[in-house]
Amino acid sequence: MAYVTINAEGCKGCLLCIEYCPRESLGCAEGMNRRGVHPVEQIDPDRCTGCRICALVCPDVCIEVYRDAPSVPSEEK
């Protein structure tokens, strides 16, 4: 599973990330930021695959995508 962090105050509400998200994991927040726009938020984290398309299309670099590290099998004793 992956998760996304979004700098809501830096978001200008262009919605490119929502448009390009192949899994429809992002949406508009109900509240407004200091710019007077509804910033983007992750509305369905379970759908996110960590593809990073949202971060790549964000013109203001407000999105960071994190992928959980794969589990490492414990060593047998």
C-alpha atoms as a PDB file:
ATOM      1  CA  MET A   1       0.000   0.000   0.000  1.00  0.00           C
ATOM      2  CA  ALA A   2       1.162   3.525  -0.735  1.00  0.00           C
ATOM      3  CA  TYR A   3       0.213   6.865   0.700  1.00  0.00           C
ATOM      4  CA  VAL A   4       0.350  10.449  -0.483  1.00  0.00           C
ATOM      5  CA  THR A   5       1.159  13.647   1.404  1.00  0.00           C
ATOM      6  CA  ILE A   6      -0.041  16.921  -0.038  1.00  0.00           C
ATOM      7  CA  ASN A   7       1.076  20.430   0.876  1.00  0.00           C
ATOM      8  CA  ALA A   8      -2.451  21.865   1.036  1.00  0.00           C
ATOM      9  CA  GLU A   9      -1.264  25.459   1.453  1.00  0.00           C
ATOM     10  CA  GLY A  10       0.920  25.213  -1.636  1.00  0.00           C
ATOM     11  CA  CYS A  11      -1.818  23.670  -3.769  1.00  0.00           C
ATOM     12  CA  LYS A  12      -3.289  26.094  -6.295  1.00  0.00           C
ATOM     13  CA  GLY A  13      -6.189  23.820  -7.172  1.00  0.00           C
ATOM     14  CA  CYS A  14      -5.247  23.093 -10.785  1.00  0.00           C
ATOM     15  CA  LEU A  15      -6.597  19.530 -10.304  1.00  0.00           C
ATOM     16  CA  LEU A  16      -4.090  17.970 -12.707  1.00  0.00           C
ATOM     17  CA  CYS A  17      -3.289  15.284 -10.165  1.00  0.00           C
ATOM     18  CA  ILE A  18      -6.957  14.325  -9.864  1.00  0.00           C
ATOM     19  CA  GLU A  19      -7.332  14.203 -13.628  1.00  0.00           C
ATOM     20  CA  TYR A  20      -4.292  11.955 -14.128  1.00  0.00           C
ATOM     21  CA  CYS A  21      -4.704   9.611 -11.148  1.00  0.00           C
ATOM     22  CA  PRO A  22      -5.467   6.240 -12.767  1.00  0.00           C
ATOM     23  CA  ARG A  23      -7.002   4.854  -9.557  1.00  0.00           C
ATOM     24  CA  GLU A  24      -9.157   7.887  -8.636  1.00  0.00           C
ATOM     25  CA  SER A  25      -7.503   8.069  -5.226  1.00  0.00           C
ATOM     26  CA  LEU A  26      -7.486  11.891  -5.051  1.00  0.00           C
ATOM     27  CA  GLY A  27     -10.234  14.475  -4.722  1.00  0.00           C
ATOM     28  CA  CYS A  28     -10.910  18.048  -3.606  1.00  0.00           C
ATOM     29  CA  ALA A  29     -10.972  18.896   0.079  1.00  0.00           C
ATOM     30  CA  GLU A  30     -14.078  20.532   1.496  1.00  0.00           C
ATOM     31  CA  GLY A  31     -12.146  23.315   3.196  1.00  0.00           C
ATOM     32  CA  MET A  32     -10.152  26.060   1.510  1.00  0.00           C
ATOM     33  CA  ASN A  33      -6.508  26.951   1.816  1.00  0.00           C
ATOM     34  CA  ARG A  34      -4.982  30.451   2.106  1.00  0.00           C
ATOM     35  CA  ARG A  35      -5.198  30.887  -1.657  1.00  0.00           C
ATOM     36  CA  GLY A  36      -8.967  30.509  -1.455  1.00  0.00           C
ATOM     37  CA  VAL A  37      -9.089  27.231  -3.361  1.00  0.00           C
ATOM     38  CA  HIS A  38     -10.079  23.720  -2.394  1.00  0.00           C
ATOM     39  CA  PRO A  39      -6.779  21.823  -2.218  1.00  0.00           C
ATOM     40  CA  VAL A  40      -6.404  18.231  -3.246  1.00  0.00           C
ATOM     41  CA  GLU A  41      -6.532  15.438  -0.689  1.00  0.00           C
ATOM     42  CA  GLN A  42      -6.255  11.685  -0.805  1.00  0.00           C
ATOM     43  CA  ILE A  43      -9.833  10.443  -0.572  1.00  0.00           C
ATOM     44  CA  ASP A  44      -9.236   6.709  -0.946  1.00  0.00           C
ATOM     45  CA  PRO A  45      -5.759   5.623   0.214  1.00  0.00           C
ATOM     46  CA  ASP A  46      -6.536   1.942  -0.348  1.00  0.00           C
ATOM     47  CA  ARG A  47      -6.757   2.541  -4.091  1.00  0.00           C
ATOM     48  CA  CYS A  48      -3.330   4.216  -4.340  1.00  0.00           C
ATOM     49  CA  THR A  49      -0.655   2.043  -5.953  1.00  0.00           C
ATOM     50  CA  GLY A  50       2.190   4.521  -5.510  1.00  0.00           C
ATOM     51  CA  CYS A  51       2.601   5.124  -9.252  1.00  0.00           C
ATOM     52  CA  ARG A  52       3.653   8.761  -8.571  1.00  0.00           C
ATOM     53  CA  ILE A  53       1.802  10.187 -11.586  1.00  0.00           C
ATOM     54  CA  CYS A  54       0.146  12.761  -9.318  1.00  0.00           C
ATOM     55  CA  ALA A  55       3.519  13.973  -8.045  1.00  0.00           C
ATOM     56  CA  LEU A  56       4.960  14.125 -11.546  1.00  0.00           C
ATOM     57  CA  VAL A  57       2.153  16.290 -12.959  1.00  0.00           C
ATOM     58  CA  CYS A  58       1.924  18.683  -9.982  1.00  0.00           C
ATOM     59  CA  PRO A  59       3.352  22.005 -11.240  1.00  0.00           C
ATOM     60  CA  ASP A  60       3.973  23.245  -7.696  1.00  0.00           C
ATOM     61  CA  VAL A  61       5.604  20.057  -6.365  1.00  0.00           C
ATOM     62  CA  CYS A  62       3.057  19.774  -3.541  1.00  0.00           C
ATOM     63  CA  ILE A  63       2.715  15.997  -3.626  1.00  0.00           C
ATOM     64  CA  GLU A  64       4.961  13.308  -2.196  1.00  0.00           C
ATOM     65  CA  VAL A  65       4.255   9.617  -2.649  1.00  0.00           C
ATOM     66  CA  TYR A  66       5.504   6.959  -0.252  1.00  0.00           C
ATOM     67  CA  ARG A  67       5.480   3.225  -0.794  1.00  0.00           C
ATOM     68  CA  ASP A  68       5.601   0.853   2.127  1.00  0.00           C
ATOM     69  CA  ALA A  69       8.784  -1.130   2.221  1.00  0.00           C
ATOM     70  CA  PRO A  70       8.325  -4.792   1.363  1.00  0.00           C
ATOM     71  CA  SER A  71       8.382  -7.043   4.384  1.00  0.00           C
ATOM     72  CA  VAL A  72      11.709  -8.684   5.039  1.00  0.00           C
ATOM     73  CA  PRO A  73      11.496 -12.304   6.163  1.00  0.00           C
ATOM     74  CA  SER A  74      13.019 -12.831   9.586  1.00  0.00           C
ATOM     75  CA  GLU A  75      16.103 -14.988   9.758  1.00  0.00           C
ATOM     76  CA  GLU A  76      15.551 -18.473  11.087  1.00  0.00           C
ATOM     77  CA  LYS A  77      17.610 -19.479  14.098  1.00  0.00           C
END
